[in-house]
Amino acid sequence: MALKVIWLPKAEHNFQSVIDYLEGNWTIKEIQNFVQLTDKTIQYIQIFPRLFRKSKKKNVYEAVITKHNLMIYQIRNNQIEILTFFDTRQHPKKKYKYKSS
């Protein structure tokens, strides 16, 4: 059974920031590719929530979307919470600067 997915506001904001960057610097094809990869990753996570790399934080996982973008999510109360998207070119200490509910 597929788990319910909830996007936290920080994740929505960061996802839109990636889209905005792609719109300003790349083509529609790259934007569509990023959205499709994100959707496909979420589908995998819904069925196999522990498929991706476990982080140092409890029940938090990191899914690689592209070589420059990670989707950070947690499993909580039988649902998936997408916490944030992280640009891998940033310092790793910034990776977990989000507020989980």
N, C-alpha and C. Protein backbone atom coordinates (compact mmCIF):
# COMPACT_ATOMS: atom_id res chain seq x y z
N MET A 1 0.83 -1.18 0.00
CA MET A 1 0.00 0.00 0.00
C MET A 1 0.88 1.25 0.00
N ALA A 2 0.56 2.19 -0.86
CA ALA A 2 1.34 3.42 -0.97
C ALA A 2 1.02 4.35 0.19
N LEU A 3 2.08 4.90 0.76
CA LEU A 3 1.92 5.84 1.87
C LEU A 3 1.54 7.22 1.35
N LYS A 4 0.82 7.96 2.18
CA LYS A 4 0.45 9.34 1.87
C LYS A 4 1.70 10.22 1.94
N VAL A 5 1.78 11.20 1.03
CA VAL A 5 2.92 12.12 1.00
C VAL A 5 2.44 13.52 1.34
N ILE A 6 3.17 14.15 2.27
CA ILE A 6 2.88 15.53 2.67
C ILE A 6 4.13 16.37 2.40
N TRP A 7 3.94 17.49 1.73
CA TRP A 7 5.04 18.42 1.47
C TRP A 7 5.00 19.50 2.56
N LEU A 8 6.10 19.66 3.27
CA LEU A 8 6.20 20.76 4.22
C LEU A 8 6.45 22.06 3.45
N PRO A 9 6.07 23.21 4.03
CA PRO A 9 6.25 24.49 3.32
C PRO A 9 7.69 24.72 2.84
N LYS A 10 8.69 24.34 3.63
CA LYS A 10 10.09 24.53 3.23
C LYS A 10 10.39 23.73 1.96
N ALA A 11 9.86 22.52 1.86
CA ALA A 11 10.07 21.69 0.68
C ALA A 11 9.42 22.33 -0.55
N GLU A 12 8.20 22.82 -0.38
CA GLU A 12 7.52 23.49 -1.49
C GLU A 12 8.30 24.70 -1.97
N HIS A 13 8.79 25.49 -1.01
CA HIS A 13 9.57 26.68 -1.35
C HIS A 13 10.87 26.30 -2.09
N ASN A 14 11.59 25.33 -1.56
CA ASN A 14 12.86 24.94 -2.19
C ASN A 14 12.65 24.30 -3.55
N PHE A 15 11.57 23.52 -3.70
CA PHE A 15 11.26 22.93 -5.00
C PHE A 15 11.00 24.04 -6.02
N GLN A 16 10.21 25.03 -5.61
CA GLN A 16 9.92 26.15 -6.52
C GLN A 16 11.18 26.94 -6.84
N SER A 17 12.09 27.05 -5.89
CA SER A 17 13.36 27.74 -6.14
C SER A 17 14.17 27.03 -7.22
N VAL A 18 14.17 25.71 -7.17
CA VAL A 18 14.88 24.94 -8.21
C VAL A 18 14.22 25.18 -9.56
N ILE A 19 12.90 25.15 -9.61
CA ILE A 19 12.17 25.40 -10.86
C ILE A 19 12.48 26.81 -11.38
N ASP A 20 12.47 27.80 -10.50
CA ASP A 20 12.77 29.17 -10.90
C ASP A 20 14.18 29.27 -11.48
N TYR A 21 15.14 28.62 -10.84
CA TYR A 21 16.51 28.61 -11.34
C TYR A 21 16.56 27.98 -12.73
N LEU A 22 15.92 26.85 -12.89
CA LEU A 22 15.92 26.17 -14.19
C LEU A 22 15.27 27.03 -15.26
N GLU A 23 14.18 27.71 -14.91
CA GLU A 23 13.50 28.58 -15.87
C GLU A 23 14.41 29.71 -16.35
N GLY A 24 15.24 30.22 -15.46
CA GLY A 24 16.12 31.32 -15.81
C GLY A 24 17.39 30.91 -16.52
N ASN A 25 17.78 29.64 -16.39
CA ASN A 25 19.09 29.24 -16.91
C ASN A 25 19.07 28.04 -17.85
N TRP A 26 17.96 27.34 -17.95
CA TRP A 26 17.90 26.13 -18.75
C TRP A 26 16.65 26.13 -19.61
N THR A 27 16.35 25.01 -20.22
CA THR A 27 15.19 24.94 -21.12
C THR A 27 14.03 24.22 -20.44
N ILE A 28 12.89 24.26 -21.10
CA ILE A 28 11.70 23.56 -20.62
C ILE A 28 11.99 22.07 -20.45
N LYS A 29 12.80 21.51 -21.31
CA LYS A 29 13.13 20.09 -21.24
C LYS A 29 13.76 19.73 -19.89
N GLU A 30 14.69 20.55 -19.41
CA GLU A 30 15.33 20.29 -18.12
C GLU A 30 14.34 20.43 -16.97
N ILE A 31 13.44 21.40 -17.08
CA ILE A 31 12.41 21.58 -16.04
C ILE A 31 11.51 20.35 -15.99
N GLN A 32 11.05 19.91 -17.15
CA GLN A 32 10.19 18.72 -17.21
C GLN A 32 10.92 17.49 -16.67
N ASN A 33 12.19 17.37 -17.00
CA ASN A 33 12.98 16.24 -16.52
C ASN A 33 13.08 16.26 -14.99
N PHE A 34 13.35 17.42 -14.42
CA PHE A 34 13.45 17.53 -12.97
C PHE A 34 12.12 17.17 -12.29
N VAL A 35 11.02 17.68 -12.82
CA VAL A 35 9.70 17.39 -12.25
C VAL A 35 9.39 15.89 -12.38
N GLN A 36 9.69 15.30 -13.52
CA GLN A 36 9.44 13.86 -13.72
C GLN A 36 10.29 13.02 -12.78
N LEU A 37 11.56 13.38 -12.63
CA LEU A 37 12.43 12.64 -11.70
C LEU A 37 11.93 12.74 -10.27
N THR A 38 11.47 13.92 -9.89
CA THR A 38 10.92 14.12 -8.55
C THR A 38 9.67 13.27 -8.35
N ASP A 39 8.76 13.31 -9.32
CA ASP A 39 7.53 12.51 -9.23
C ASP A 39 7.84 11.02 -9.14
N LYS A 40 8.76 10.56 -9.96
CA LYS A 40 9.11 9.14 -9.95
C LYS A 40 9.74 8.73 -8.62
N THR A 41 10.59 9.59 -8.08
CA THR A 41 11.22 9.32 -6.78
C THR A 41 10.16 9.23 -5.68
N ILE A 42 9.20 10.13 -5.71
CA ILE A 42 8.13 10.11 -4.71
C ILE A 42 7.32 8.81 -4.84
N GLN A 43 7.07 8.37 -6.05
CA GLN A 43 6.34 7.11 -6.24
C GLN A 43 7.12 5.94 -5.64
N TYR A 44 8.42 5.92 -5.84
CA TYR A 44 9.25 4.86 -5.24
C TYR A 44 9.18 4.92 -3.71
N ILE A 45 9.27 6.12 -3.18
CA ILE A 45 9.27 6.29 -1.72
C ILE A 45 7.93 5.86 -1.13
N GLN A 46 6.84 6.12 -1.83
CA GLN A 46 5.53 5.74 -1.32
C GLN A 46 5.43 4.21 -1.13
N ILE A 47 6.06 3.48 -2.01
CA ILE A 47 5.99 2.02 -1.97
C ILE A 47 7.11 1.42 -1.11
N PHE A 48 8.31 1.99 -1.24
CA PHE A 48 9.49 1.52 -0.51
C PHE A 48 10.10 2.69 0.27
N PRO A 49 9.51 3.07 1.39
CA PRO A 49 9.93 4.28 2.09
C PRO A 49 11.39 4.29 2.56
N ARG A 50 11.97 3.14 2.78
CA ARG A 50 13.35 3.08 3.27
C ARG A 50 14.35 2.74 2.16
N LEU A 51 13.95 2.97 0.93
CA LEU A 51 14.77 2.64 -0.23
C LEU A 51 16.05 3.48 -0.30
N PHE A 52 15.97 4.73 0.09
CA PHE A 52 17.09 5.65 -0.08
C PHE A 52 17.96 5.75 1.16
N ARG A 53 19.07 6.45 1.00
CA ARG A 53 20.09 6.56 2.05
C ARG A 53 19.53 7.17 3.33
N LYS A 54 19.80 6.51 4.43
CA LYS A 54 19.40 7.00 5.76
C LYS A 54 20.36 8.10 6.18
N SER A 55 19.83 9.15 6.77
CA SER A 55 20.68 10.23 7.26
C SER A 55 21.05 9.96 8.72
N LYS A 56 21.76 10.89 9.31
CA LYS A 56 22.14 10.77 10.71
C LYS A 56 20.97 11.06 11.65
N LYS A 57 19.93 11.68 11.11
CA LYS A 57 18.74 11.99 11.92
C LYS A 57 17.77 10.82 11.88
N LYS A 58 17.07 10.60 12.96
CA LYS A 58 16.15 9.48 13.08
C LYS A 58 15.00 9.57 12.07
N ASN A 59 14.78 8.49 11.34
CA ASN A 59 13.70 8.36 10.35
C ASN A 59 13.78 9.37 9.21
N VAL A 60 14.95 9.94 8.96
CA VAL A 60 15.12 10.90 7.88
C VAL A 60 15.99 10.26 6.81
N TYR A 61 15.58 10.44 5.55
CA TYR A 61 16.25 9.81 4.42
C TYR A 61 16.56 10.86 3.36
N GLU A 62 17.53 10.53 2.50
CA GLU A 62 17.97 11.43 1.43
C GLU A 62 17.86 10.72 0.09
N ALA A 63 17.03 11.25 -0.78
CA ALA A 63 16.86 10.69 -2.12
C ALA A 63 17.54 11.60 -3.13
N VAL A 64 18.41 11.05 -3.95
CA VAL A 64 19.07 11.82 -4.99
C VAL A 64 18.10 11.99 -6.15
N ILE A 65 17.81 13.25 -6.49
CA ILE A 65 16.96 13.55 -7.62
C ILE A 65 17.83 13.76 -8.86
N THR A 66 18.80 14.65 -8.73
CA THR A 66 19.83 14.86 -9.76
C THR A 66 21.16 14.95 -9.01
N LYS A 67 22.25 15.06 -9.74
CA LYS A 67 23.54 15.14 -9.05
C LYS A 67 23.66 16.41 -8.21
N HIS A 68 22.80 17.38 -8.45
CA HIS A 68 22.85 18.63 -7.68
C HIS A 68 21.70 18.80 -6.69
N ASN A 69 20.77 17.85 -6.65
CA ASN A 69 19.57 18.01 -5.80
C ASN A 69 19.22 16.75 -5.04
N LEU A 70 19.09 16.91 -3.73
CA LEU A 70 18.60 15.84 -2.86
C LEU A 70 17.21 16.22 -2.36
N MET A 71 16.38 15.22 -2.22
CA MET A 71 15.09 15.43 -1.55
C MET A 71 15.23 14.76 -0.19
N ILE A 72 15.01 15.52 0.86
CA ILE A 72 15.12 15.01 2.22
C ILE A 72 13.71 14.81 2.76
N TYR A 73 13.47 13.60 3.24
CA TYR A 73 12.13 13.25 3.72
C TYR A 73 12.21 12.43 4.99
N GLN A 74 11.11 12.36 5.68
CA GLN A 74 11.05 11.52 6.87
C GLN A 74 9.80 10.65 6.83
N ILE A 75 9.90 9.55 7.53
CA ILE A 75 8.76 8.65 7.68
C ILE A 75 8.20 8.90 9.08
N ARG A 76 6.92 9.27 9.11
CA ARG A 76 6.31 9.57 10.40
C ARG A 76 4.82 9.29 10.35
N ASN A 77 4.35 8.56 11.35
CA ASN A 77 2.92 8.24 11.46
C ASN A 77 2.37 7.61 10.17
N ASN A 78 3.11 6.66 9.63
CA ASN A 78 2.71 5.95 8.40
C ASN A 78 2.45 6.89 7.22
N GLN A 79 3.24 7.95 7.15
CA GLN A 79 3.18 8.83 5.99
C GLN A 79 4.58 9.36 5.72
N ILE A 80 4.75 9.88 4.54
CA ILE A 80 6.02 10.46 4.12
C ILE A 80 5.89 11.98 4.19
N GLU A 81 6.83 12.62 4.87
CA GLU A 81 6.86 14.08 4.92
C GLU A 81 8.10 14.54 4.16
N ILE A 82 7.87 15.26 3.08
CA ILE A 82 8.99 15.82 2.33
C ILE A 82 9.40 17.09 3.08
N LEU A 83 10.62 17.06 3.58
CA LEU A 83 11.09 18.15 4.45
C LEU A 83 11.69 19.30 3.66
N THR A 84 12.56 18.97 2.70
CA THR A 84 13.24 20.02 1.95
C THR A 84 13.94 19.43 0.74
N PHE A 85 14.37 20.30 -0.13
CA PHE A 85 15.27 19.95 -1.22
C PHE A 85 16.59 20.63 -0.92
N PHE A 86 17.68 19.96 -1.22
CA PHE A 86 19.00 20.48 -0.87
C PHE A 86 19.90 20.47 -2.10
N ASP A 87 20.53 21.61 -2.37
CA ASP A 87 21.50 21.73 -3.45
C ASP A 87 22.83 21.16 -2.94
N THR A 88 23.30 20.10 -3.55
CA THR A 88 24.50 19.41 -3.07
C THR A 88 25.76 20.23 -3.20
N ARG A 89 25.70 21.37 -3.87
CA ARG A 89 26.87 22.24 -3.98
C ARG A 89 27.04 23.12 -2.75
N GLN A 90 26.05 23.09 -1.85
CA GLN A 90 26.14 23.86 -0.60
C GLN A 90 26.95 23.08 0.43
N HIS A 91 27.29 23.77 1.50
CA HIS A 91 28.00 23.11 2.60
C HIS A 91 27.07 22.09 3.25
N PRO A 92 27.54 20.88 3.51
CA PRO A 92 26.68 19.83 4.08
C PRO A 92 26.01 20.19 5.41
N LYS A 93 26.59 21.09 6.18
CA LYS A 93 25.98 21.47 7.45
C LYS A 93 24.64 22.18 7.25
N LYS A 94 24.41 22.72 6.07
CA LYS A 94 23.15 23.41 5.79
C LYS A 94 22.04 22.42 5.44
N LYS A 95 22.37 21.18 5.26
CA LYS A 95 21.42 20.18 4.77
C LYS A 95 20.20 20.03 5.67
N TYR A 96 20.38 20.12 6.96
CA TYR A 96 19.26 19.85 7.87
C TYR A 96 18.71 21.11 8.53
N LYS A 97 18.80 22.23 7.84
CA LYS A 97 18.23 23.46 8.37
C LYS A 97 16.79 23.59 7.87
N TYR A 98 15.93 22.87 8.50
CA TYR A 98 14.51 22.90 8.20
C TYR A 98 13.77 22.70 9.52
N LYS A 99 12.51 23.01 9.49
CA LYS A 99 11.69 22.80 10.68
C LYS A 99 10.75 21.65 10.38
N SER A 100 10.89 20.58 11.14
CA SER A 100 9.93 19.49 10.97
C SER A 100 8.85 19.66 12.01
N SER A 101 7.66 19.26 11.65
CA SER A 101 6.52 19.45 12.56
C SER A 101 6.44 18.33 13.57
